[in-house]
PDB file of N, CA and C in Angstrom:
ATOM      1  N   MET A   1      91.443  97.327 113.752  1.00  0.00           N
ATOM      2  CA  MET A   1      92.157  97.760 112.573  1.00  0.00           C
ATOM      3  C   MET A   1      91.211  98.602 111.721  1.00  0.00           C
ATOM      4  N   SER A   2      91.609  99.817 111.473  1.00  0.00           N
ATOM      5  CA  SER A   2      90.805 100.693 110.623  1.00  0.00           C
ATOM      6  C   SER A   2      91.609 101.062 109.387  1.00  0.00           C
ATOM      7  N   ARG A   3      90.953 101.002 108.256  1.00  0.00           N
ATOM      8  CA  ARG A   3      91.616 101.323 107.000  1.00  0.00           C
ATOM      9  C   ARG A   3      91.146 102.701 106.522  1.00  0.00           C
ATOM     10  N   VAL A   4      92.085 103.553 106.255  1.00  0.00           N
ATOM     11  CA  VAL A   4      91.818 104.896 105.763  1.00  0.00           C
ATOM     12  C   VAL A   4      92.099 104.898 104.264  1.00  0.00           C
ATOM     13  N   THR A   5      91.320 105.660 103.505  1.00  0.00           N
ATOM     14  CA  THR A   5      91.544 105.773 102.067  1.00  0.00           C
ATOM     15  C   THR A   5      92.420 106.985 101.784  1.00  0.00           C
ATOM     16  N   HIS A   6      93.545 106.753 101.110  1.00  0.00           N
ATOM     17  CA  HIS A   6      94.454 107.826 100.723  1.00  0.00           C
ATOM     18  C   HIS A   6      94.303 108.048  99.223  1.00  0.00           C
ATOM     19  N   ILE A   7      94.123 109.304  98.817  1.00  0.00           N
ATOM     20  CA  ILE A   7      94.029 109.656  97.403  1.00  0.00           C
ATOM     21  C   ILE A   7      95.300 110.419  97.039  1.00  0.00           C
ATOM     22  N   ILE A   8      96.030 109.908  96.055  1.00  0.00           N
ATOM     23  CA  ILE A   8      97.303 110.501  95.649  1.00  0.00           C
ATOM     24  C   ILE A   8      97.168 111.005  94.218  1.00  0.00           C
ATOM     25  N   ASP A   9      97.514 112.258  94.008  1.00  0.00           N
ATOM     26  CA  ASP A   9      97.499 112.840  92.669  1.00  0.00           C
ATOM     27  C   ASP A   9      98.888 112.679  92.063  1.00  0.00           C
ATOM     28  N   ALA A  10      98.973 111.991  90.937  1.00  0.00           N
ATOM     29  CA  ALA A  10     100.251 111.672  90.310  1.00  0.00           C
ATOM     30  C   ALA A  10     100.712 112.732  89.321  1.00  0.00           C
ATOM     31  N   THR A  11     100.020 113.825  89.197  1.00  0.00           N
ATOM     32  CA  THR A  11     100.355 114.849  88.214  1.00  0.00           C
ATOM     33  C   THR A  11     101.723 115.448  88.510  1.00  0.00           C
ATOM     34  N   GLY A  12     102.643 115.296  87.563  1.00  0.00           N
ATOM     35  CA  GLY A  12     103.949 115.918  87.678  1.00  0.00           C
ATOM     36  C   GLY A  12     104.926 115.238  88.618  1.00  0.00           C
ATOM     37  N   LYS A  13     104.577 114.110  89.204  1.00  0.00           N
ATOM     38  CA  LYS A  13     105.473 113.417  90.133  1.00  0.00           C
ATOM     39  C   LYS A  13     106.164 112.263  89.421  1.00  0.00           C
ATOM     40  N   PRO A  14     107.423 111.977  89.790  1.00  0.00           N
ATOM     41  CA  PRO A  14     108.118 110.829  89.186  1.00  0.00           C
ATOM     42  C   PRO A  14     107.502 109.506  89.632  1.00  0.00           C
ATOM     43  N   VAL A  15     107.608 108.492  88.800  1.00  0.00           N
ATOM     44  CA  VAL A  15     106.989 107.193  89.038  1.00  0.00           C
ATOM     45  C   VAL A  15     107.502 106.561  90.333  1.00  0.00           C
ATOM     46  N   GLY A  16     108.799 106.599  90.556  1.00  0.00           N
ATOM     47  CA  GLY A  16     109.383 105.975  91.738  1.00  0.00           C
ATOM     48  C   GLY A  16     108.928 106.619  93.034  1.00  0.00           C
ATOM     49  N   ARG A  17     108.790 107.935  93.038  1.00  0.00           N
ATOM     50  CA  ARG A  17     108.337 108.648  94.240  1.00  0.00           C
ATOM     51  C   ARG A  17     106.897 108.269  94.582  1.00  0.00           C
ATOM     52  N   ILE A  18     106.068 108.154  93.563  1.00  0.00           N
ATOM     53  CA  ILE A  18     104.678 107.758  93.782  1.00  0.00           C
ATOM     54  C   ILE A  18     104.641 106.324  94.302  1.00  0.00           C
ATOM     55  N   ALA A  19     105.423 105.441  93.685  1.00  0.00           N
ATOM     56  CA  ALA A  19     105.405 104.024  94.052  1.00  0.00           C
ATOM     57  C   ALA A  19     105.856 103.801  95.488  1.00  0.00           C
ATOM     58  N   THR A  20     106.868 104.521  95.951  1.00  0.00           N
ATOM     59  CA  THR A  20     107.316 104.336  97.329  1.00  0.00           C
ATOM     60  C   THR A  20     106.271 104.829  98.318  1.00  0.00           C
ATOM     61  N   GLU A  21     105.612 105.915  97.986  1.00  0.00           N
ATOM     62  CA  GLU A  21     104.559 106.442  98.849  1.00  0.00           C
ATOM     63  C   GLU A  21     103.388 105.462  98.935  1.00  0.00           C
ATOM     64  N   VAL A  22     102.988 104.915  97.793  1.00  0.00           N
ATOM     65  CA  VAL A  22     101.884 103.964  97.741  1.00  0.00           C
ATOM     66  C   VAL A  22     102.232 102.686  98.502  1.00  0.00           C
ATOM     67  N   ALA A  23     103.443 102.171  98.308  1.00  0.00           N
ATOM     68  CA  ALA A  23     103.854 100.936  98.991  1.00  0.00           C
ATOM     69  C   ALA A  23     103.861 101.120 100.502  1.00  0.00           C
ATOM     70  N   GLY A  24     104.279 102.273 100.964  1.00  0.00           N
ATOM     71  CA  GLY A  24     104.269 102.547 102.405  1.00  0.00           C
ATOM     72  C   GLY A  24     102.868 102.571 102.974  1.00  0.00           C
ATOM     73  N   PHE A  25     101.944 103.212 102.261  1.00  0.00           N
ATOM     74  CA  PHE A  25     100.551 103.252 102.724  1.00  0.00           C
ATOM     75  C   PHE A  25      99.916 101.863 102.703  1.00  0.00           C
ATOM     76  N   LEU A  26     100.198 101.069 101.665  1.00  0.00           N
ATOM     77  CA  LEU A  26      99.613  99.730 101.570  1.00  0.00           C
ATOM     78  C   LEU A  26     100.083  98.829 102.715  1.00  0.00           C
ATOM     79  N   ARG A  27     101.315  98.987 103.141  1.00  0.00           N
ATOM     80  CA  ARG A  27     101.845  98.173 104.239  1.00  0.00           C
ATOM     81  C   ARG A  27     101.478  98.733 105.601  1.00  0.00           C
ATOM     82  N   GLY A  28     101.125 100.026 105.688  1.00  0.00           N
ATOM     83  CA  GLY A  28     100.766 100.625 106.962  1.00  0.00           C
ATOM     84  C   GLY A  28     101.959 101.135 107.734  1.00  0.00           C
ATOM     85  N   LYS A  29     103.030 101.481 107.043  1.00  0.00           N
ATOM     86  CA  LYS A  29     104.258 101.897 107.717  1.00  0.00           C
ATOM     87  C   LYS A  29     104.146 103.275 108.362  1.00  0.00           C
ATOM     88  N   GLN A  30     103.125 104.047 108.013  1.00  0.00           N
ATOM     89  CA  GLN A  30     102.954 105.364 108.602  1.00  0.00           C
ATOM     90  C   GLN A  30     102.241 105.310 109.946  1.00  0.00           C
ATOM     91  N   LYS A  31     101.740 104.146 110.334  1.00  0.00           N
ATOM     92  CA  LYS A  31     100.995 103.997 111.583  1.00  0.00           C
ATOM     93  C   LYS A  31     101.930 103.654 112.737  1.00  0.00           C
ATOM     94  N   ALA A  32     101.563 104.098 113.919  1.00  0.00           N
ATOM     95  CA  ALA A  32     102.362 103.796 115.109  1.00  0.00           C
ATOM     96  C   ALA A  32     102.272 102.320 115.483  1.00  0.00           C
ATOM     97  N   THR A  33     101.235 101.644 115.030  1.00  0.00           N
ATOM     98  CA  THR A  33     101.038 100.232 115.362  1.00  0.00           C
ATOM     99  C   THR A  33     101.606  99.293 114.316  1.00  0.00           C
ATOM    100  N   TYR A  34     102.526  99.784 113.464  1.00  0.00           N
ATOM    101  CA  TYR A  34     103.082  98.967 112.372  1.00  0.00           C
ATOM    102  C   TYR A  34     103.828  97.756 112.920  1.00  0.00           C
ATOM    103  N   THR A  35     103.475  96.592 112.396  1.00  0.00           N
ATOM    104  CA  THR A  35     104.170  95.348 112.671  1.00  0.00           C
ATOM    105  C   THR A  35     104.331  94.641 111.330  1.00  0.00           C
ATOM    106  N   PRO A  36     105.545  94.173 110.982  1.00  0.00           N
ATOM    107  CA  PRO A  36     105.762  93.629 109.640  1.00  0.00           C
ATOM    108  C   PRO A  36     104.879  92.436 109.276  1.00  0.00           C
ATOM    109  N   HIS A  37     104.531  91.592 110.235  1.00  0.00           N
ATOM    110  CA  HIS A  37     103.774  90.386 109.895  1.00  0.00           C
ATOM    111  C   HIS A  37     102.264  90.569 109.986  1.00  0.00           C
ATOM    112  N   ILE A  38     101.793  91.764 110.339  1.00  0.00           N
ATOM    113  CA  ILE A  38     100.355  92.032 110.441  1.00  0.00           C
ATOM    114  C   ILE A  38      99.955  92.990 109.324  1.00  0.00           C
ATOM    115  N   ASP A  39      98.888  92.630 108.599  1.00  0.00           N
ATOM    116  CA  ASP A  39      98.405  93.463 107.499  1.00  0.00           C
ATOM    117  C   ASP A  39      97.498  94.544 108.061  1.00  0.00           C
ATOM    118  N   ASP A  40      98.060  95.709 108.330  1.00  0.00           N
ATOM    119  CA  ASP A  40      97.309  96.816 108.906  1.00  0.00           C
ATOM    120  C   ASP A  40      97.363  98.035 107.987  1.00  0.00           C
ATOM    121  N   GLY A  41      97.557  97.794 106.685  1.00  0.00           N
ATOM    122  CA  GLY A  41      97.708  98.887 105.730  1.00  0.00           C
ATOM    123  C   GLY A  41      96.402  99.538 105.351  1.00  0.00           C
ATOM    124  N   ASP A  42      96.505 100.582 104.574  1.00  0.00           N
ATOM    125  CA  ASP A  42      95.356 101.376 104.169  1.00  0.00           C
ATOM    126  C   ASP A  42      95.018 101.136 102.704  1.00  0.00           C
ATOM    127  N   ILE A  43      93.918 101.758 102.271  1.00  0.00           N
ATOM    128  CA  ILE A  43      93.466 101.699 100.884  1.00  0.00           C
ATOM    129  C   ILE A  43      94.052 102.909 100.158  1.00  0.00           C
ATOM    130  N   VAL A  44      94.552 102.701  98.940  1.00  0.00           N
ATOM    131  CA  VAL A  44      95.190 103.781  98.193  1.00  0.00           C
ATOM    132  C   VAL A  44      94.539 103.908  96.824  1.00  0.00           C
ATOM    133  N   LYS A  45      94.207 105.139  96.460  1.00  0.00           N
ATOM    134  CA  LYS A  45      93.671 105.436  95.138  1.00  0.00           C
ATOM    135  C   LYS A  45      94.583 106.475  94.496  1.00  0.00           C
ATOM    136  N   VAL A  46      95.116 106.161  93.323  1.00  0.00           N
ATOM    137  CA  VAL A  46      96.020 107.066  92.608  1.00  0.00           C
ATOM    138  C   VAL A  46      95.285 107.589  91.382  1.00  0.00           C
ATOM    139  N   VAL A  47      95.264 108.903  91.226  1.00  0.00           N
ATOM    140  CA  VAL A  47      94.569 109.526  90.096  1.00  0.00           C
ATOM    141  C   VAL A  47      95.577 110.248  89.203  1.00  0.00           C
ATOM    142  N   ASN A  48      95.204 110.488  87.955  1.00  0.00           N
ATOM    143  CA  ASN A  48      96.004 111.197  86.946  1.00  0.00           C
ATOM    144  C   ASN A  48      97.339 110.500  86.670  1.00  0.00           C
ATOM    145  N   VAL A  49      97.303 109.192  86.519  1.00  0.00           N
ATOM    146  CA  VAL A  49      98.529 108.425  86.289  1.00  0.00           C
ATOM    147  C   VAL A  49      99.124 108.736  84.923  1.00  0.00           C
ATOM    148  N   SER A  50      98.306 109.104  83.966  1.00  0.00           N
ATOM    149  CA  SER A  50      98.827 109.390  82.622  1.00  0.00           C
ATOM    150  C   SER A  50      99.670 110.665  82.601  1.00  0.00           C
ATOM    151  N   GLN A  51      99.641 111.456  83.671  1.00  0.00           N
ATOM    152  CA  GLN A  51     100.392 112.712  83.717  1.00  0.00           C
ATOM    153  C   GLN A  51     101.621 112.621  84.615  1.00  0.00           C
ATOM    154  N   MET A  52     102.101 111.385  84.887  1.00  0.00           N
ATOM    155  CA  MET A  52     103.318 111.216  85.674  1.00  0.00           C
ATOM    156  C   MET A  52     104.496 111.782  84.899  1.00  0.00           C
ATOM    157  N   SER A  53     105.521 112.243  85.617  1.00  0.00           N
ATOM    158  CA  SER A  53     106.687 112.798  84.940  1.00  0.00           C
ATOM    159  C   SER A  53     107.826 111.782  84.902  1.00  0.00           C
ATOM    160  N   TRP A  54     108.700 111.980  83.946  1.00  0.00           N
ATOM    161  CA  TRP A  54     109.887 111.140  83.776  1.00  0.00           C
ATOM    162  C   TRP A  54     111.077 112.061  83.659  1.00  0.00           C
ATOM    163  N   SER A  55     112.156 111.738  84.354  1.00  0.00           N
ATOM    164  CA  SER A  55     113.350 112.582  84.274  1.00  0.00           C
ATOM    165  C   SER A  55     114.313 112.027  83.238  1.00  0.00           C
ATOM    166  N   GLY A  56     114.981 112.926  82.563  1.00  0.00           N
ATOM    167  CA  GLY A  56     115.971 112.532  81.572  1.00  0.00           C
ATOM    168  C   GLY A  56     115.366 111.758  80.415  1.00  0.00           C
ATOM    169  N   LYS A  57     116.080 110.704  79.991  1.00  0.00           N
ATOM    170  CA  LYS A  57     115.627 109.885  78.869  1.00  0.00           C
ATOM    171  C   LYS A  57     115.023 108.566  79.337  1.00  0.00           C
ATOM    172  N   LYS A  58     114.575 108.515  80.592  1.00  0.00           N
ATOM    173  CA  LYS A  58     114.097 107.251  81.149  1.00  0.00           C
ATOM    174  C   LYS A  58     112.907 106.686  80.384  1.00  0.00           C
ATOM    175  N   ILE A  59     112.014 107.534  79.919  1.00  0.00           N
ATOM    176  CA  ILE A  59     110.826 107.015  79.234  1.00  0.00           C
ATOM    177  C   ILE A  59     111.197 106.294  77.936  1.00  0.00           C
ATOM    178  N   GLU A  60     112.296 106.688  77.283  1.00  0.00           N
ATOM    179  CA  GLU A  60     112.733 105.979  76.082  1.00  0.00           C
ATOM    180  C   GLU A  60     113.608 104.766  76.405  1.00  0.00           C
ATOM    181  N   GLN A  61     114.349 104.810  77.514  1.00  0.00           N
ATOM    182  CA  GLN A  61     115.323 103.766  77.812  1.00  0.00           C
ATOM    183  C   GLN A  61     114.767 102.610  78.626  1.00  0.00           C
ATOM    184  N   LYS A  62     113.763 102.846  79.465  1.00  0.00           N
ATOM    185  CA  LYS A  62     113.253 101.791  80.330  1.00  0.00           C
ATOM    186  C   LYS A  62     112.333 100.844  79.574  1.00  0.00           C
ATOM    187  N   ALA A  63     112.284  99.601  80.052  1.00  0.00           N
ATOM    188  CA  ALA A  63     111.407  98.591  79.458  1.00  0.00           C
ATOM    189  C   ALA A  63     110.963  97.630  80.551  1.00  0.00           C
ATOM    190  N   LEU A  64     109.740  97.114  80.425  1.00  0.00           N
ATOM    191  CA  LEU A  64     109.246  96.107  81.352  1.00  0.00           C
ATOM    192  C   LEU A  64     109.518  94.742  80.754  1.00  0.00           C
ATOM    193  N   ARG A  65     110.099  93.878  81.575  1.00  0.00           N
ATOM    194  CA  ARG A  65     110.471  92.544  81.109  1.00  0.00           C
ATOM    195  C   ARG A  65     109.630  91.493  81.803  1.00  0.00           C
ATOM    196  N   HIS A  66     109.290  90.460  81.049  1.00  0.00           N
ATOM    197  CA  HIS A  66     108.524  89.334  81.582  1.00  0.00           C
ATOM    198  C   HIS A  66     109.039  88.070  80.915  1.00  0.00           C
ATOM    199  N   HIS A  67     109.248  87.024  81.695  1.00  0.00           N
ATOM    200  CA  HIS A  67     109.743  85.764  81.132  1.00  0.00           C
ATOM    201  C   HIS A  67     108.681  84.700  81.309  1.00  0.00           C
ATOM    202  N   THR A  68     108.435  83.925  80.265  1.00  0.00           N
ATOM    203  CA  THR A  68     107.393  82.901  80.288  1.00  0.00           C
ATOM    204  C   THR A  68     107.874  81.584  80.887  1.00  0.00           C
ATOM    205  N   THR A  69     109.126  81.516  81.312  1.00  0.00           N
ATOM    206  CA  THR A  69     109.808  80.324  81.848  1.00  0.00           C
ATOM    207  C   THR A  69     110.094  79.271  80.777  1.00  0.00           C
ATOM    208  N   HIS A  70     109.842  79.570  79.542  1.00  0.00           N
ATOM    209  CA  HIS A  70     110.226  78.685  78.440  1.00  0.00           C
ATOM    210  C   HIS A  70     111.505  79.225  77.819  1.00  0.00           C
ATOM    211  N   PRO A  71     112.316  78.390  77.204  1.00  0.00           N
ATOM    212  CA  PRO A  71     113.543  78.878  76.580  1.00  0.00           C
ATOM    213  C   PRO A  71     113.247  79.940  75.512  1.00  0.00           C
ATOM    214  N   GLY A  72     113.928  81.053  75.607  1.00  0.00           N
ATOM    215  CA  GLY A  72     113.728  82.142  74.663  1.00  0.00           C
ATOM    216  C   GLY A  72     112.421  82.878  74.878  1.00  0.00           C
ATOM    217  N   GLY A  73     111.834  82.765  76.058  1.00  0.00           N
ATOM    218  CA  GLY A  73     110.516  83.332  76.306  1.00  0.00           C
ATOM    219  C   GLY A  73     110.510  84.677  76.986  1.00  0.00           C
ATOM    220  N   ILE A  74     111.553  85.486  76.794  1.00  0.00           N
ATOM    221  CA  ILE A  74     111.564  86.803  77.420  1.00  0.00           C
ATOM    222  C   ILE A  74     110.756  87.773  76.556  1.00  0.00           C
ATOM    223  N   LYS A  75     109.901  88.524  77.203  1.00  0.00           N
ATOM    224  CA  LYS A  75     109.072  89.521  76.529  1.00  0.00           C
ATOM    225  C   LYS A  75     109.501  90.893  77.039  1.00  0.00           C
ATOM    226  N   VAL A  76     109.888  91.775  76.163  1.00  0.00           N
ATOM    227  CA  VAL A  76     110.348  93.111  76.520  1.00  0.00           C
ATOM    228  C   VAL A  76     109.434  94.130  75.858  1.00  0.00           C
ATOM    229  N   ARG A  77     108.869  95.025  76.682  1.00  0.00           N
ATOM    230  CA  ARG A  77     107.997  96.077  76.148  1.00  0.00           C
ATOM    231  C   ARG A  77     108.522  97.431  76.622  1.00  0.00           C
ATOM    232  N   PRO A  78     108.770  98.372  75.724  1.00  0.00           N
ATOM    233  CA  PRO A  78     109.253  99.692  76.126  1.00  0.00           C
ATOM    234  C   PRO A  78     108.188 100.456  76.918  1.00  0.00           C
ATOM    235  N   VAL A  79     108.630 101.199  77.911  1.00  0.00           N
ATOM    236  CA  VAL A  79     107.717 101.971  78.751  1.00  0.00           C
ATOM    237  C   VAL A  79     107.007 103.048  77.932  1.00  0.00           C
ATOM    238  N   LYS A  80     107.679 103.578  76.935  1.00  0.00           N
ATOM    239  CA  LYS A  80     107.081 104.617  76.090  1.00  0.00           C
ATOM    240  C   LYS A  80     105.794 104.116  75.433  1.00  0.00           C
ATOM    241  N   ASP A  81     105.800 102.866  74.955  1.00  0.00           N
ATOM    242  CA  ASP A  81     104.607 102.300  74.330  1.00  0.00           C
ATOM    243  C   ASP A  81     103.522 101.987  75.358  1.00  0.00           C
ATOM    244  N   ILE A  82     103.921 101.522  76.513  1.00  0.00           N
ATOM    245  CA  ILE A  82     102.946 101.185  77.561  1.00  0.00           C
ATOM    246  C   ILE A  82     102.247 102.441  78.063  1.00  0.00           C
ATOM    247  N   MET A  83     102.991 103.535  78.197  1.00  0.00           N
ATOM    248  CA  MET A  83     102.409 104.788  78.696  1.00  0.00           C
ATOM    249  C   MET A  83     101.339 105.336  77.748  1.00  0.00           C
ATOM    250  N   LYS A  84     101.405 105.013  76.466  1.00  0.00           N
ATOM    251  CA  LYS A  84     100.395 105.481  75.518  1.00  0.00           C
ATOM    252  C   LYS A  84      99.065 104.761  75.719  1.00  0.00           C
ATOM    253  N   HIS A  85      99.119 103.448  76.006  1.00  0.00           N
ATOM    254  CA  HIS A  85      97.906 102.639  76.044  1.00  0.00           C
ATOM    255  C   HIS A  85      97.419 102.346  77.465  1.00  0.00           C
ATOM    256  N   ARG A  86      98.322 101.943  78.353  1.00  0.00           N
ATOM    257  CA  ARG A  86      97.948 101.579  79.731  1.00  0.00           C
ATOM    258  C   ARG A  86      98.955 102.153  80.707  1.00  0.00           C
ATOM    259  N   PRO A  87      98.910 103.450  81.030  1.00  0.00           N
ATOM    260  CA  PRO A  87      99.898 104.038  81.944  1.00  0.00           C
ATOM    261  C   PRO A  87      99.804 103.481  83.364  1.00  0.00           C
ATOM    262  N   GLU A  88      98.641 102.975  83.746  1.00  0.00           N
ATOM    263  CA  GLU A  88      98.494 102.424  85.097  1.00  0.00           C
ATOM    264  C   GLU A  88      99.317 101.149  85.289  1.00  0.00           C
ATOM    265  N   GLU A  89      99.624 100.454  84.208  1.00  0.00           N
ATOM    266  CA  GLU A  89     100.415  99.226  84.292  1.00  0.00           C
ATOM    267  C   GLU A  89     101.843  99.513  84.756  1.00  0.00           C
ATOM    268  N   VAL A  90     102.398 100.653  84.365  1.00  0.00           N
ATOM    269  CA  VAL A  90     103.752 101.020  84.774  1.00  0.00           C
ATOM    270  C   VAL A  90     103.807 101.245  86.285  1.00  0.00           C
ATOM    271  N   LEU A  91     102.823 101.946  86.818  1.00  0.00           N
ATOM    272  CA  LEU A  91     102.789 102.197  88.264  1.00  0.00           C
ATOM    273  C   LEU A  91     102.511 100.915  89.038  1.00  0.00           C
ATOM    274  N   GLU A  92     101.615 100.068  88.528  1.00  0.00           N
ATOM    275  CA  GLU A  92     101.350  98.777  89.179  1.00  0.00           C
ATOM    276  C   GLU A  92     102.621  97.959  89.283  1.00  0.00           C
ATOM    277  N   HIS A  93     103.394  97.932  88.221  1.00  0.00           N
ATOM    278  CA  HIS A  93     104.641  97.175  88.198  1.00  0.00           C
ATOM    279  C   HIS A  93     105.635  97.732  89.221  1.00  0.00           C
ATOM    280  N   ALA A  94     105.743  99.055  89.284  1.00  0.00           N
ATOM    281  CA  ALA A  94     106.676  99.681  90.221  1.00  0.00           C
ATOM    282  C   ALA A  94     106.280  99.390  91.670  1.00  0.00           C
ATOM    283  N   VAL A  95     104.985  99.493  91.980  1.00  0.00           N
ATOM    284  CA  VAL A  95     104.520  99.228  93.340  1.00  0.00           C
ATOM    285  C   VAL A  95     104.678  97.753  93.682  1.00  0.00           C
ATOM    286  N   LEU A  96     104.340  96.883  92.745  1.00  0.00           N
ATOM    287  CA  LEU A  96     104.422  95.445  92.979  1.00  0.00           C
ATOM    288  C   LEU A  96     105.826  95.017  93.405  1.00  0.00           C
ATOM    289  N   PHE A  97     106.844  95.565  92.744  1.00  0.00           N
ATOM    290  CA  PHE A  97     108.208  95.166  93.055  1.00  0.00           C
ATOM    291  C   PHE A  97     108.795  95.921  94.246  1.00  0.00           C
ATOM    292  N   MET A  98     108.044  96.867  94.830  1.00  0.00           N
ATOM    293  CA  MET A  98     108.476  97.516  96.071  1.00  0.00           C
ATOM    294  C   MET A  98     107.863  96.862  97.299  1.00  0.00           C
ATOM    295  N   LEU A  99     106.912  95.966  97.094  1.00  0.00           N
ATOM    296  CA  LEU A  99     106.297  95.255  98.210  1.00  0.00           C
ATOM    297  C   LEU A  99     107.083  93.989  98.507  1.00  0.00           C
ATOM    298  N   PRO A 100     106.938  93.423  99.701  1.00  0.00           N
ATOM    299  CA  PRO A 100     107.683  92.204 100.026  1.00  0.00           C
ATOM    300  C   PRO A 100     107.292  91.043  99.123  1.00  0.00           C
ATOM    301  N   LYS A 101     108.287  90.235  98.785  1.00  0.00           N
ATOM    302  CA  LYS A 101     108.063  89.124  97.860  1.00  0.00           C
ATOM    303  C   LYS A 101     107.609  87.894  98.639  1.00  0.00           C
ATOM    304  N   ASN A 102     106.401  87.943  99.169  1.00  0.00           N
ATOM    305  CA  ASN A 102     105.838  86.797  99.884  1.00  0.00           C
ATOM    306  C   ASN A 102     104.334  86.728  99.605  1.00  0.00           C
ATOM    307  N   ARG A 103     103.636  85.870 100.330  1.00  0.00           N
ATOM    308  CA  ARG A 103     102.222  85.648  99.994  1.00  0.00           C
ATOM    309  C   ARG A 103     101.304  86.808 100.375  1.00  0.00           C
ATOM    310  N   THR A 104     101.793  87.800 101.099  1.00  0.00           N
ATOM    311  CA  THR A 104     100.949  88.952 101.426  1.00  0.00           C
ATOM    312  C   THR A 104     100.864  89.960 100.286  1.00  0.00           C
ATOM    313  N   ARG A 105     101.771  89.849  99.320  1.00  0.00           N
ATOM    314  CA  ARG A 105     101.842  90.854  98.264  1.00  0.00           C
ATOM    315  C   ARG A 105     100.550  90.966  97.472  1.00  0.00           C
ATOM    316  N   LYS A 106      99.928  89.854  97.090  1.00  0.00           N
ATOM    317  CA  LYS A 106      98.709  89.940  96.282  1.00  0.00           C
ATOM    318  C   LYS A 106      97.547  90.520  97.082  1.00  0.00           C
ATOM    319  N   HIS A 107      97.532  90.326  98.399  1.00  0.00           N
ATOM    320  CA  HIS A 107      96.477  90.914  99.220  1.00  0.00           C
ATOM    321  C   HIS A 107      96.666  92.424  99.353  1.00  0.00           C
ATOM    322  N   LEU A 108      97.913  92.862  99.414  1.00  0.00           N
ATOM    323  CA  LEU A 108      98.189  94.294  99.478  1.00  0.00           C
ATOM    324  C   LEU A 108      97.808  94.978  98.167  1.00  0.00           C
ATOM    325  N   MET A 109      98.078  94.331  97.041  1.00  0.00           N
ATOM    326  CA  MET A 109      97.780  94.924  95.738  1.00  0.00           C
ATOM    327  C   MET A 109      96.276  95.053  95.483  1.00  0.00           C
ATOM    328  N   LYS A 110      95.469  94.258  96.154  1.00  0.00           N
ATOM    329  CA  LYS A 110      94.013  94.351  95.972  1.00  0.00           C
ATOM    330  C   LYS A 110      93.462  95.679  96.496  1.00  0.00           C
ATOM    331  N   ARG A 111      94.192  96.315  97.403  1.00  0.00           N
ATOM    332  CA  ARG A 111      93.742  97.587  97.980  1.00  0.00           C
ATOM    333  C   ARG A 111      94.232  98.791  97.192  1.00  0.00           C
ATOM    334  N   LEU A 112      94.867  98.561  96.054  1.00  0.00           N
ATOM    335  CA  LEU A 112      95.366  99.658  95.212  1.00  0.00           C
ATOM    336  C   LEU A 112      94.424  99.867  94.031  1.00  0.00           C
ATOM    337  N   THR A 113      93.981 101.113  93.866  1.00  0.00           N
ATOM    338  CA  THR A 113      93.128 101.485  92.732  1.00  0.00           C
ATOM    339  C   THR A 113      93.854 102.582  91.955  1.00  0.00           C
ATOM    340  N   ILE A 114      93.965 102.379  90.642  1.00  0.00           N
ATOM    341  CA  ILE A 114      94.665 103.350  89.798  1.00  0.00           C
ATOM    342  C   ILE A 114      93.714 103.852  88.721  1.00  0.00           C
ATOM    343  N   VAL A 115      93.629 105.174  88.584  1.00  0.00           N
ATOM    344  CA  VAL A 115      92.751 105.810  87.611  1.00  0.00           C
ATOM    345  C   VAL A 115      93.619 106.603  86.646  1.00  0.00           C
ATOM    346  N   LYS A 116      93.361 106.462  85.340  1.00  0.00           N
ATOM    347  CA  LYS A 116      94.139 107.199  84.334  1.00  0.00           C
ATOM    348  C   LYS A 116      94.001 108.676  84.577  1.00  0.00           C
TER     349      LYS A 116
END
């Protein structure tokens, strides 16, 4: 198993398009030897995340939600505010939810590096 480093420039690209590309590389779906239960993915580095594009009014309308599992514990943060301080968090969230929801997900996310 050999891991190749992919560098993706996020300048001018929509968040979802970047996230699907990154998720595919992390899982190794571009390789001929792809098997779903074997971790044969590559290393991904995304640069210029602060210059991602948004279509329409999505940057004002979207929000990241998190629940603390306590009653009334929903936390909602608008994407517009997150993009000002930590734009890499938006891409991490998008990639995280495009990966399979099992115990391999945290190992796949360790191979993702995001640079503002």
